[in-house]
C-alpha cells in the first residue's frame, strides 16, 4: 500500500482483511461459475459485517451507522476491491443521499437501510440516457398533490432484489444561460407499488453474481412524501453520491491491481523459460515495473482526493481524474498479468482471467472514461470562458 496508515486504521484494515479471508475469498470461484451468490451466503456475509461493525459503516453514528470518515472508508473500499462486488456488496454501504430523508422518510427508508432490514437501488441510468443524463426520458407530472411517474431504468446494480429504489425523473424544465435544462427530482419508490415493475436484467461477464435490474414505471402514483430532498434538486443529490462513488471506484481499482500484480509477480518469479525465471527477461520485468509505478501513482491520487474530500475541497474534476486514471491503470495491469501468464492467464483454473474480466467494467460504470475526460476538459476551459 503506497500511503501512510494510522494505527487506528491499521486495526480496521486487519479486521477487514480477516473478514474477507473468511467470508469472501473462499467463495469467489463458485459465485463466478454459477453467476449467483446463494441467499444463505449473502446473509452470512451481511450478519458478519454487522457483527464487526462494518455494515453501514459509511453513515453517521447519529443514524446508527459506523460513522467512519473518508480516510477509513478509503481503506475499506480498497480492500473490498480485491474481491467481487457480488460478495462485498452484501456488507452494505447504503447510498449516502438517503441522509436527505426527512420526517417519516427516516423511519421508512433511511433507518431500515442502516439496520439491514431494507435494501435500496440507485436508479439513474436509462436505455437512452446513460452518460447523457439530460437525455432522461423518465418523467413525473403533477396530479393534484401527487406525482405520476412513467419511464424506465436499466443497468441498476445491487446484490439482491431491493425493497425500494431512489428514482430520478424529469419534473419540468428550467431556463438557464445555456438554454432549457431538465429539472430532475429524486423519488423514493417502493417495490410493489402499482405500476412499478422491478426485475433482473442483463447478465454481465464482469462481477458475475452482482445483479443488474430493470425498472419500469407505468403511471405510478406517488404522494408528496415520496420526494427525496427538494423537487428539482435531484441532480445535486446524485452528484453528492457520484463524486465520492468515483473516488471509491478508484480505491477499489487500486486494491484489485495490487492483488493482480502480486499474482503476476509470483508467476514471473517461479515460471521458468530458457533456464531462468521469466521475470528476468525485460519484456516481462518491465511490465511489472510499469505496474508498480502506475499503482503507486494511482494510490497517491486517491489519497489526495480523499484528503480534499475530508476538508470539503474536492471538485468534480478531482473525482473524474481518479476514476479515469485508476480504472485505466487497473486494466493495463490486468492485461499485462494475462500476458505474463501466457496461455494459463486465460484458463479457468487460474483466477487471473476472472480478475481480468471483472476489471473491464471499471472503465464504464459510474461514468465512462470518456465522460470523465469531458468533465476534466470542462474544468480546464470554463474558467477561460470556453
Protein backbone atom coordinates (compact mmCIF):
# COMPACT_ATOMS: atom_id res chain seq x y z
CA UNK A 1 0.00 0.00 0.00
CA UNK A 2 1.54 3.26 -1.14
CA UNK A 3 0.44 5.67 1.60
CA UNK A 4 0.63 6.08 5.37
CA UNK A 5 -2.00 4.42 7.57
CA UNK A 6 -2.65 5.46 11.18
CA UNK A 7 -2.51 2.92 14.00
CA UNK A 8 -6.29 3.05 14.39
CA UNK A 9 -6.80 2.38 10.70
CA UNK A 10 -4.25 -0.44 10.79
CA UNK A 11 -6.55 -2.22 13.24
CA UNK A 12 -9.53 -1.56 10.96
CA UNK A 13 -7.56 -2.88 7.99
CA UNK A 14 -6.68 -6.05 9.87
CA UNK A 15 -10.37 -6.60 10.66
CA UNK A 16 -11.41 -6.12 7.03
CA UNK A 17 -8.68 -8.43 5.73
CA UNK A 18 -9.69 -11.20 8.15
CA UNK A 19 -13.36 -10.69 7.23
CA UNK A 20 -12.60 -11.13 3.55
CA UNK A 21 -10.32 -14.13 4.07
CA UNK A 22 -13.05 -15.92 5.99
CA UNK A 23 -16.24 -14.80 4.27
CA UNK A 24 -15.45 -13.81 0.66
CA UNK A 25 -12.30 -15.20 -0.94
CA UNK A 26 -13.29 -18.86 -0.40
CA UNK A 27 -16.48 -18.35 -2.44
CA UNK A 28 -15.18 -16.38 -5.44
CA UNK A 29 -14.84 -19.26 -7.89
CA UNK A 30 -18.24 -20.76 -7.08
CA UNK A 31 -20.00 -17.40 -7.44
CA UNK A 32 -18.25 -16.70 -10.75
CA UNK A 33 -19.00 -20.13 -12.20
CA UNK A 34 -22.66 -20.19 -11.14
CA UNK A 35 -23.36 -16.48 -11.59
CA UNK A 36 -25.16 -16.40 -8.25
CA UNK A 37 -24.48 -15.60 -4.61
CA UNK A 38 -26.62 -18.08 -2.67
CA UNK A 39 -29.03 -16.26 -0.37
CA UNK A 40 -27.61 -18.10 2.64
CA UNK A 41 -24.07 -16.96 1.83
CA UNK A 42 -25.16 -13.38 1.25
CA UNK A 43 -26.98 -13.26 4.59
CA UNK A 44 -23.94 -14.82 6.26
CA UNK A 45 -21.70 -12.02 4.93
CA UNK A 46 -24.31 -9.47 5.97
CA UNK A 47 -24.53 -10.87 9.51
CA UNK A 48 -20.75 -10.96 9.93
CA UNK A 49 -20.46 -7.39 8.66
CA UNK A 50 -22.96 -6.29 11.30
CA UNK A 51 -21.08 -8.20 14.00
CA UNK A 52 -17.81 -6.47 13.05
CA UNK A 53 -19.37 -3.02 12.77
CA UNK A 54 -18.74 -2.86 9.01
CA UNK A 55 -22.39 -2.79 7.92
CA UNK A 56 -23.48 0.77 7.05
CA UNK A 57 -20.10 1.92 8.35
CA UNK A 58 -20.17 4.85 5.91
CA UNK A 59 -23.21 6.51 7.54
CA UNK A 60 -23.08 8.77 10.64
CA UNK A 61 -23.35 7.39 14.15
CA UNK A 62 -26.38 9.59 14.86
CA UNK A 63 -28.45 7.46 12.45
CA UNK A 64 -26.96 4.18 13.70
CA UNK A 65 -24.14 3.86 11.18
CA UNK A 66 -20.47 3.24 11.82
CA UNK A 67 -19.54 6.89 11.47
CA UNK A 68 -16.30 6.21 9.59
CA UNK A 69 -14.68 9.12 7.81
CA UNK A 70 -13.38 9.18 4.26
CA UNK A 71 -9.90 8.16 5.38
CA UNK A 72 -11.16 4.92 6.92
CA UNK A 73 -13.61 4.24 4.09
CA UNK A 74 -10.73 4.59 1.65
CA UNK A 75 -9.03 1.57 3.25
CA UNK A 76 -12.23 -0.48 3.32
CA UNK A 77 -13.11 0.20 -0.32
CA UNK A 78 -9.54 -0.54 -1.39
CA UNK A 79 -9.61 -3.95 0.32
CA UNK A 80 -13.10 -4.77 -0.95
CA UNK A 81 -11.81 -4.08 -4.46
CA UNK A 82 -9.71 -7.24 -4.23
CA UNK A 83 -12.81 -9.41 -4.48
CA UNK A 84 -16.08 -9.34 -6.40
CA UNK A 85 -18.83 -6.76 -5.94
CA UNK A 86 -21.18 -9.74 -5.87
CA UNK A 87 -19.73 -10.61 -2.46
CA UNK A 88 -18.69 -7.39 -0.75
CA UNK A 89 -21.94 -5.62 -1.71
CA UNK A 90 -23.65 -7.77 0.93
CA UNK A 91 -21.63 -5.83 3.52
CA UNK A 92 -23.75 -2.84 2.59
CA UNK A 93 -22.71 0.80 2.44
CA UNK A 94 -26.14 2.42 1.88
CA UNK A 95 -26.37 5.35 -0.50
CA UNK A 96 -25.39 8.49 1.41
CA UNK A 97 -28.08 10.58 -0.27
CA UNK A 98 -30.60 8.76 1.95
CA UNK A 99 -29.39 11.21 4.61
CA UNK A 100 -31.65 13.68 2.80
CA UNK A 101 -34.65 11.76 4.18
CA UNK A 102 -36.87 13.86 6.42
CA UNK A 103 -39.71 13.15 8.83
CA UNK A 104 -41.41 9.80 8.25
CA UNK A 105 -38.93 9.03 5.46
CA UNK A 106 -36.22 8.41 8.02
CA UNK A 107 -38.21 5.66 9.72
CA UNK A 108 -39.43 4.16 6.46
CA UNK A 109 -36.27 4.29 4.35
CA UNK A 110 -33.08 5.55 5.99
CA UNK A 111 -33.04 3.71 9.31
CA UNK A 112 -34.10 0.30 7.89
CA UNK A 113 -31.18 0.54 5.43
CA UNK A 114 -28.81 1.17 8.33
CA UNK A 115 -30.05 -1.90 10.20
CA UNK A 116 -30.22 -4.10 7.12
CA UNK A 117 -34.00 -4.51 7.16
CA UNK A 118 -34.21 -2.89 3.73
CA UNK A 119 -32.08 -2.54 0.60
CA UNK A 120 -32.18 0.26 -1.95
CA UNK A 121 -31.24 0.76 -5.60
CA UNK A 122 -29.91 3.95 -7.18
CA UNK A 123 -31.98 4.43 -10.34
CA UNK A 124 -30.40 6.94 -12.69
CA UNK A 125 -29.25 5.19 -15.90
CA UNK A 126 -31.70 4.60 -18.76
CA UNK A 127 -31.53 2.72 -22.08
CA UNK A 128 -31.16 6.01 -23.99
CA UNK A 129 -29.64 8.11 -21.21
CA UNK A 130 -26.52 6.60 -19.71
CA UNK A 131 -23.79 9.22 -19.89
CA UNK A 132 -26.31 11.78 -21.22
CA UNK A 133 -28.30 12.43 -18.06
CA UNK A 134 -30.13 15.32 -19.71
CA UNK A 135 -31.48 12.83 -22.24
CA UNK A 136 -33.52 11.25 -19.44
CA UNK A 137 -36.95 10.08 -20.59
CA UNK A 138 -38.33 9.02 -17.22
CA UNK A 139 -40.67 11.77 -16.07
CA UNK A 140 -43.14 12.64 -13.34
CA UNK A 141 -46.07 15.02 -13.80
CA UNK A 142 -48.06 16.69 -11.07
CA UNK A 143 -51.61 15.43 -10.42
CA UNK A 144 -53.04 17.39 -7.52
CA UNK A 145 -50.68 16.78 -4.61
CA UNK A 146 -49.43 13.54 -6.18
CA UNK A 147 -46.95 12.74 -8.94
CA UNK A 148 -47.49 10.30 -11.80
CA UNK A 149 -44.24 8.55 -12.74
CA UNK A 150 -43.55 6.98 -16.16
CA UNK A 151 -40.41 5.64 -17.81
CA UNK A 152 -37.71 3.03 -17.33
CA UNK A 153 -34.22 2.46 -15.94
CA UNK A 154 -31.64 -0.23 -16.65
CA UNK A 155 -28.17 -1.36 -15.53
CA UNK A 156 -29.27 -0.61 -11.96
CA UNK A 157 -26.99 -2.81 -9.87
CA UNK A 158 -27.30 -4.46 -6.48
CA UNK A 159 -26.63 -7.77 -4.73
CA UNK A 160 -30.29 -8.77 -4.33
CA UNK A 161 -33.88 -7.73 -5.02
CA UNK A 162 -34.37 -4.32 -3.37
CA UNK A 163 -37.15 -3.04 -1.17
CA UNK A 164 -37.25 0.37 -2.84
CA UNK A 165 -35.47 2.46 -5.45
CA UNK A 166 -34.23 6.02 -5.49
CA UNK A 167 -35.53 7.04 -8.90
CA UNK A 168 -34.52 10.16 -10.80
CA UNK A 169 -37.12 11.68 -13.10
CA UNK A 170 -37.65 14.87 -15.07
CA UNK A 171 -40.33 17.04 -13.47
CA UNK A 172 -40.17 20.03 -15.79
CA UNK A 173 -37.72 22.41 -17.44
CA UNK A 174 -35.76 25.43 -16.27
CA UNK A 175 -34.36 28.30 -18.32
CA UNK A 176 -30.58 28.63 -17.96
CA UNK A 177 -27.82 30.64 -19.64
CA UNK A 178 -27.27 27.65 -21.91
CA UNK A 179 -30.96 27.27 -22.76
CA UNK A 180 -33.63 24.96 -21.39
CA UNK A 181 -32.48 22.32 -18.93
CA UNK A 182 -34.50 19.48 -17.47
CA UNK A 183 -35.44 19.81 -13.83
CA UNK A 184 -34.66 16.45 -12.22
CA UNK A 185 -36.21 15.19 -8.98
CA UNK A 186 -35.40 12.15 -6.85
CA UNK A 187 -38.29 9.92 -5.71
CA UNK A 188 -38.46 7.06 -3.22
CA UNK A 189 -40.44 4.27 -4.90
CA UNK A 190 -41.35 1.07 -3.04
CA UNK A 191 -41.14 -2.26 -4.83
CA UNK A 192 -44.73 -3.49 -5.08
CA UNK A 193 -46.20 -0.06 -5.79
CA UNK A 194 -48.86 -0.45 -8.53
CA UNK A 195 -47.34 0.19 -11.95
CA UNK A 196 -43.73 -0.32 -10.75
CA UNK A 197 -42.00 -3.45 -12.07
CA UNK A 198 -38.51 -4.38 -10.85
CA UNK A 199 -36.91 -7.42 -12.45
CA UNK A 200 -33.47 -8.85 -13.09
CA UNK A 201 -31.92 -7.51 -16.28
CA UNK A 202 -28.92 -8.34 -18.42
CA UNK A 203 -26.19 -10.61 -17.09
CA UNK A 204 -22.71 -9.13 -17.13
CA UNK A 205 -19.46 -11.08 -17.63
CA UNK A 206 -17.81 -8.78 -15.08
CA UNK A 207 -18.62 -9.46 -11.42
CA UNK A 208 -20.85 -12.43 -12.15
CA UNK A 209 -23.44 -12.77 -9.43
CA UNK A 210 -23.71 -8.99 -8.97
CA UNK A 211 -27.13 -8.37 -10.41
CA UNK A 212 -28.43 -5.68 -12.70
CA UNK A 213 -32.10 -4.71 -12.55
CA UNK A 214 -34.54 -3.19 -15.00
CA UNK A 215 -37.11 -0.81 -13.56
CA UNK A 216 -40.25 0.21 -15.41
CA UNK A 217 -42.90 2.72 -14.33
CA UNK A 218 -46.40 2.82 -15.80
CA UNK A 219 -48.50 5.62 -14.30
CA UNK A 220 -47.01 5.02 -10.83
CA UNK A 221 -48.79 7.30 -8.37
CA UNK A 222 -46.53 8.81 -5.72
CA UNK A 223 -47.51 11.07 -2.86
CA UNK A 224 -45.67 14.29 -1.96
CA UNK A 225 -43.86 12.37 0.80
CA UNK A 226 -42.08 10.26 -1.83
CA UNK A 227 -39.82 13.09 -2.97
CA UNK A 228 -36.28 12.79 -1.60
CA UNK A 229 -34.93 16.24 -0.87
CA UNK A 230 -36.46 19.04 -2.89
CA UNK A 231 -38.32 19.00 -6.19
CA UNK A 232 -35.88 19.87 -8.96
CA UNK A 233 -32.77 19.18 -6.84
CA UNK A 234 -32.23 15.57 -7.88
CA UNK A 235 -29.03 16.14 -9.83
CA UNK A 236 -27.45 17.91 -6.88
CA UNK A 237 -28.29 14.87 -4.74
CA UNK A 238 -26.95 12.41 -7.30
CA UNK A 239 -23.77 14.45 -7.60
CA UNK A 240 -23.11 14.05 -3.87
CA UNK A 241 -23.13 10.28 -4.32
CA UNK A 242 -21.38 10.09 -7.69
CA UNK A 243 -18.44 12.25 -6.63
CA UNK A 244 -17.31 10.07 -3.74
CA UNK A 245 -18.54 7.00 -5.61
CA UNK A 246 -15.92 7.67 -8.28
CA UNK A 247 -13.23 8.01 -5.61
CA UNK A 248 -14.28 4.64 -4.19
CA UNK A 249 -14.13 3.10 -7.67
CA UNK A 250 -10.55 4.37 -7.80
CA UNK A 251 -9.76 2.85 -4.42
CA UNK A 252 -11.30 -0.50 -5.46
CA UNK A 253 -9.21 -0.44 -8.64
CA UNK A 254 -6.04 0.05 -6.61
CA UNK A 255 -6.89 -2.90 -4.37
CA UNK A 256 -7.61 -5.18 -7.31
CA UNK A 257 -4.49 -4.01 -9.15
CA UNK A 258 -2.38 -4.83 -6.09
CA UNK A 259 -3.79 -8.35 -5.93
CA UNK A 260 -3.29 -8.95 -9.66
CA UNK A 261 0.25 -7.53 -9.58
CA UNK A 262 1.16 -9.83 -6.69
CA UNK A 263 -0.10 -12.84 -8.67
CA UNK A 264 1.80 -11.77 -11.77
CA UNK A 265 4.98 -11.21 -9.75
CA UNK A 266 4.81 -14.65 -8.15
CA UNK A 267 4.27 -16.24 -11.56
CA UNK A 268 7.15 -14.28 -13.11
CA UNK A 269 9.45 -15.38 -10.28
CA UNK A 270 8.55 -19.08 -10.43
CA UNK A 271 7.78 -19.75 -14.10
CA UNK A 272 10.98 -20.64 -15.97
CA UNK A 273 11.81 -20.48 -19.66
CA UNK A 274 15.23 -20.80 -21.27
CA UNK A 275 16.65 -21.81 -17.90
CA UNK A 276 15.63 -18.78 -15.84
CA UNK A 277 12.56 -17.12 -14.28
CA UNK A 278 10.62 -15.20 -16.93
CA UNK A 279 10.69 -12.10 -14.71
CA UNK A 280 14.36 -11.69 -15.56
CA UNK A 281 13.50 -11.02 -19.19
CA UNK A 282 12.94 -7.32 -19.75
CA UNK A 283 9.75 -7.97 -21.72
CA UNK A 284 8.24 -9.37 -18.52
CA UNK A 285 10.15 -7.48 -15.85
CA UNK A 286 9.36 -4.09 -17.35
CA UNK A 287 5.64 -4.91 -17.24
CA UNK A 288 5.99 -5.48 -13.50
CA UNK A 289 7.99 -2.28 -13.09
CA UNK A 290 5.40 -0.24 -15.00
CA UNK A 291 2.61 -1.82 -12.97
CA UNK A 292 4.31 -0.94 -9.68
CA UNK A 293 4.85 2.68 -10.78
CA UNK A 294 1.32 3.12 -12.06
CA UNK A 295 -0.21 1.59 -8.93
CA UNK A 296 1.81 3.91 -6.71
CA UNK A 297 0.68 6.93 -8.71
CA UNK A 298 -2.95 5.77 -8.55
CA UNK A 299 -2.80 5.19 -4.79
CA UNK A 300 -1.37 8.65 -4.23
CA UNK A 301 -4.03 10.20 -6.47
CA UNK A 302 -6.82 8.51 -4.46
CA UNK A 303 -5.22 9.55 -1.17
CA UNK A 304 -5.02 13.15 -2.39
CA UNK A 305 -8.70 13.15 -3.42
CA UNK A 306 -9.71 11.67 -0.06
CA UNK A 307 -7.76 14.39 1.75
CA UNK A 308 -9.50 17.03 -0.36
CA UNK A 309 -12.88 15.47 0.43
CA UNK A 310 -12.08 15.44 4.16
CA UNK A 311 -11.64 19.22 4.11
CA UNK A 312 -14.53 19.84 1.74
CA UNK A 313 -12.34 20.94 -1.16
CA UNK A 314 -12.84 18.10 -3.64
CA UNK A 315 -14.26 19.12 -7.03
CA UNK A 316 -15.86 17.13 -9.84
CA UNK A 317 -12.63 17.16 -11.83
CA UNK A 318 -10.72 15.64 -8.88
CA UNK A 319 -13.09 12.69 -8.76
CA UNK A 320 -13.03 12.37 -12.56
CA UNK A 321 -9.22 12.25 -12.62
CA UNK A 322 -9.19 9.50 -10.00
CA UNK A 323 -11.87 7.48 -11.75
CA UNK A 324 -10.33 7.54 -15.22
CA UNK A 325 -6.71 7.11 -14.15
CA UNK A 326 -7.28 4.30 -11.66
CA UNK A 327 -9.64 2.31 -13.86
CA UNK A 328 -7.30 2.51 -16.84
CA UNK A 329 -4.31 1.69 -14.63
CA UNK A 330 -6.10 -1.44 -13.43
CA UNK A 331 -6.93 -2.51 -16.97
CA UNK A 332 -3.29 -2.17 -18.05
CA UNK A 333 -2.08 -4.23 -15.09
CA UNK A 334 -4.78 -6.88 -15.61
CA UNK A 335 -3.96 -7.19 -19.31
CA UNK A 336 -0.23 -7.39 -18.61
CA UNK A 337 -0.88 -10.08 -15.99
CA UNK A 338 -2.70 -12.20 -18.58
CA UNK A 339 0.23 -11.74 -20.96
CA UNK A 340 2.76 -12.67 -18.29
CA UNK A 341 0.80 -15.85 -17.53
CA UNK A 342 0.62 -16.68 -21.23
CA UNK A 343 -2.00 -19.26 -22.14
CA UNK A 344 -2.64 -20.06 -18.49
CA UNK A 345 -3.82 -16.49 -17.99
CA UNK A 346 -6.99 -17.34 -19.90
CA UNK A 347 -7.65 -20.71 -18.32
CA UNK A 348 -10.47 -21.11 -15.81
CA UNK A 349 -8.14 -22.96 -13.46
CA UNK A 350 -6.43 -19.66 -12.53
CA UNK A 351 -8.17 -16.57 -11.14
CA UNK A 352 -6.36 -14.15 -13.48
CA UNK A 353 -8.99 -14.47 -16.21
CA UNK A 354 -11.77 -13.69 -13.72
CA UNK A 355 -9.98 -10.64 -12.31
CA UNK A 356 -9.25 -9.50 -15.88
CA UNK A 357 -12.96 -9.75 -16.79
CA UNK A 358 -14.01 -8.00 -13.60
CA UNK A 359 -11.54 -5.18 -14.20
CA UNK A 360 -13.05 -4.24 -17.56
CA UNK A 361 -16.28 -2.87 -16.10
CA UNK A 362 -14.48 -0.24 -14.02
CA UNK A 363 -13.88 1.94 -17.11
CA UNK A 364 -17.62 2.04 -17.81
CA UNK A 365 -19.80 2.27 -14.72
CA UNK A 366 -20.14 5.39 -12.59
CA UNK A 367 -19.30 7.38 -15.71
CA UNK A 368 -17.21 6.15 -18.64
CA UNK A 369 -13.60 7.21 -19.17
CA UNK A 370 -14.83 9.45 -21.99
CA UNK A 371 -17.25 11.26 -19.68
CA UNK A 372 -14.54 11.69 -17.03
CA UNK A 373 -12.27 13.29 -19.61
CA UNK A 374 -15.12 15.59 -20.64
CA UNK A 375 -15.55 16.69 -17.01
CA UNK A 376 -11.81 17.35 -16.71
CA UNK A 377 -11.71 19.26 -20.00
CA UNK A 378 -14.68 21.39 -18.94
CA UNK A 379 -12.95 22.28 -15.66
CA UNK A 380 -9.90 23.45 -17.61
CA UNK A 381 -11.72 25.50 -20.25
CA UNK A 382 -14.65 27.07 -18.38
CA UNK A 383 -12.53 29.46 -16.29
CA UNK A 384 -11.32 30.87 -19.60
CA UNK A 385 -14.86 31.28 -20.91
CA UNK A 386 -14.54 28.47 -23.44
